C-alpha atoms as a PDB file:
ATOM      1  CA  UNK A   1      27.148  54.802-118.209  1.00  0.00           C
ATOM      2  CA  UNK A   2      29.085  58.032-118.724  1.00  0.00           C
ATOM      3  CA  UNK A   3      25.918  59.879-119.801  1.00  0.00           C
ATOM      4  CA  UNK A   4      24.067  58.668-116.694  1.00  0.00           C
ATOM      5  CA  UNK A   5      26.880  59.829-114.421  1.00  0.00           C
ATOM      6  CA  UNK A   6      27.054  63.219-116.161  1.00  0.00           C
ATOM      7  CA  UNK A   7      23.307  63.822-115.784  1.00  0.00           C
ATOM      8  CA  UNK A   8      22.900  62.562-112.214  1.00  0.00           C
ATOM      9  CA  UNK A   9      22.734  64.908-109.231  1.00  0.00           C
ATOM     10  CA  UNK A  10      25.408  65.538-108.218  1.00  0.00           C
ATOM     11  CA  UNK A  11      26.994  64.867-111.576  1.00  0.00           C
ATOM     12  CA  UNK A  12      30.248  63.034-111.964  1.00  0.00           C
ATOM     13  CA  UNK A  13      32.535  63.321-114.957  1.00  0.00           C
ATOM     14  CA  UNK A  14      35.321  60.753-115.121  1.00  0.00           C
ATOM     15  CA  UNK A  15      36.889  62.145-118.265  1.00  0.00           C
ATOM     16  CA  UNK A  16      39.974  64.305-118.073  1.00  0.00           C
ATOM     17  CA  UNK A  17      41.322  66.740-120.656  1.00  0.00           C
ATOM     18  CA  UNK A  18      43.633  64.016-122.002  1.00  0.00           C
ATOM     19  CA  UNK A  19      40.610  61.726-122.412  1.00  0.00           C
ATOM     20  CA  UNK A  20      38.894  64.214-124.705  1.00  0.00           C
ATOM     21  CA  UNK A  21      42.107  65.057-126.558  1.00  0.00           C
ATOM     22  CA  UNK A  22      42.717  61.381-127.274  1.00  0.00           C
ATOM     23  CA  UNK A  23      39.128  60.848-128.466  1.00  0.00           C
ATOM     24  CA  UNK A  24      39.430  63.767-130.898  1.00  0.00           C
ATOM     25  CA  UNK A  25      42.868  62.594-132.057  1.00  0.00           C
ATOM     26  CA  UNK A  26      41.645  59.067-132.837  1.00  0.00           C
ATOM     27  CA  UNK A  27      38.705  60.473-134.818  1.00  0.00           C
ATOM     28  CA  UNK A  28      41.141  62.622-136.802  1.00  0.00           C
ATOM     29  CA  UNK A  29      43.504  59.704-137.463  1.00  0.00           C
ATOM     30  CA  UNK A  30      40.589  57.567-138.652  1.00  0.00           C
ATOM     31  CA  UNK A  31      39.426  60.356-140.960  1.00  0.00           C
ATOM     32  CA  UNK A  32      42.931  60.459-142.459  1.00  0.00           C
ATOM     33  CA  UNK A  33      42.721  56.756-143.313  1.00  0.00           C
ATOM     34  CA  UNK A  34      44.332  55.039-140.334  1.00  0.00           C
ATOM     35  CA  UNK A  35      42.256  51.984-139.314  1.00  0.00           C
ATOM     36  CA  UNK A  36      41.753  52.963-135.669  1.00  0.00           C
ATOM     37  CA  UNK A  37      38.867  53.390-133.220  1.00  0.00           C
ATOM     38  CA  UNK A  38      38.376  53.889-129.485  1.00  0.00           C
ATOM     39  CA  UNK A  39      36.134  52.857-126.631  1.00  0.00           C
ATOM     40  CA  UNK A  40      36.112  54.018-123.021  1.00  0.00           C
ATOM     41  CA  UNK A  41      35.851  51.927-119.876  1.00  0.00           C
ATOM     42  CA  UNK A  42      34.208  52.964-116.617  1.00  0.00           C
ATOM     43  CA  UNK A  43      36.796  55.643-115.872  1.00  0.00           C
ATOM     44  CA  UNK A  44      38.895  58.061-117.918  1.00  0.00           C
ATOM     45  CA  UNK A  45      40.723  55.238-119.685  1.00  0.00           C
ATOM     46  CA  UNK A  46      40.541  55.179-123.459  1.00  0.00           C
ATOM     47  CA  UNK A  47      41.030  51.852-125.231  1.00  0.00           C
ATOM     48  CA  UNK A  48      42.391  52.385-128.728  1.00  0.00           C
ATOM     49  CA  UNK A  49      41.822  49.578-131.209  1.00  0.00           C
ATOM     50  CA  UNK A  50      43.697  49.344-134.504  1.00  0.00           C
ATOM     51  CA  UNK A  51      44.675  46.895-137.170  1.00  0.00           C
ATOM     52  CA  UNK A  52      48.109  45.280-136.858  1.00  0.00           C
ATOM     53  CA  UNK A  53      49.571  47.223-139.797  1.00  0.00           C
ATOM     54  CA  UNK A  54      48.698  50.514-138.067  1.00  0.00           C
ATOM     55  CA  UNK A  55      50.096  49.582-134.648  1.00  0.00           C
ATOM     56  CA  UNK A  56      53.508  51.286-134.957  1.00  0.00           C
ATOM     57  CA  UNK A  57      51.964  54.508-136.274  1.00  0.00           C
ATOM     58  CA  UNK A  58      49.191  54.600-133.670  1.00  0.00           C
ATOM     59  CA  UNK A  59      51.617  53.799-130.840  1.00  0.00           C
ATOM     60  CA  UNK A  60      53.926  56.614-131.950  1.00  0.00           C
ATOM     61  CA  UNK A  61      51.019  59.079-132.086  1.00  0.00           C
ATOM     62  CA  UNK A  62      49.711  58.019-128.666  1.00  0.00           C
ATOM     63  CA  UNK A  63      53.124  58.487-127.071  1.00  0.00           C
ATOM     64  CA  UNK A  64      53.081  62.142-128.161  1.00  0.00           C
ATOM     65  CA  UNK A  65      49.810  62.984-126.388  1.00  0.00           C
ATOM     66  CA  UNK A  66      50.402  64.647-123.038  1.00  0.00           C
ATOM     67  CA  UNK A  67      48.483  62.840-120.323  1.00  0.00           C
ATOM     68  CA  UNK A  68      48.865  59.373-121.807  1.00  0.00           C
ATOM     69  CA  UNK A  69      50.495  57.633-118.869  1.00  0.00           C
ATOM     70  CA  UNK A  70      50.773  54.046-120.013  1.00  0.00           C
ATOM     71  CA  UNK A  71      50.347  52.032-123.203  1.00  0.00           C
ATOM     72  CA  UNK A  72      49.357  48.402-122.923  1.00  0.00           C
ATOM     73  CA  UNK A  73      49.455  46.445-126.167  1.00  0.00           C
ATOM     74  CA  UNK A  74      47.106  43.476-126.476  1.00  0.00           C
ATOM     75  CA  UNK A  75      46.597  41.189-129.447  1.00  0.00           C
ATOM     76  CA  UNK A  76      43.611  38.983-130.274  1.00  0.00           C
ATOM     77  CA  UNK A  77      43.598  35.629-128.517  1.00  0.00           C
ATOM     78  CA  UNK A  78      43.155  32.235-130.062  1.00  0.00           C
ATOM     79  CA  UNK A  79      39.836  31.198-131.513  1.00  0.00           C
ATOM     80  CA  UNK A  80      37.211  29.497-129.380  1.00  0.00           C
ATOM     81  CA  UNK A  81      37.887  25.828-128.694  1.00  0.00           C
ATOM     82  CA  UNK A  82      35.581  23.013-127.605  1.00  0.00           C
ATOM     83  CA  UNK A  83      36.941  21.237-124.558  1.00  0.00           C
END
């Protein structure tokens, strides 16, 4: 979706400088061995996904990035159940 918006006329780029900074940071953290990845929703919001043992480290790193306005922590839900 982002590529379509960027190449349409007129183009629209949802990403902000903090969006790109966070994407680069997560790639760097992953390269250093931290089990972390990201995905982006329809706007400039980056969703960072990590393993439980990396949560404290990733949270600390995210809090240091200027432009990160809010951290919401979510954990996996229960497994699927038959009703």
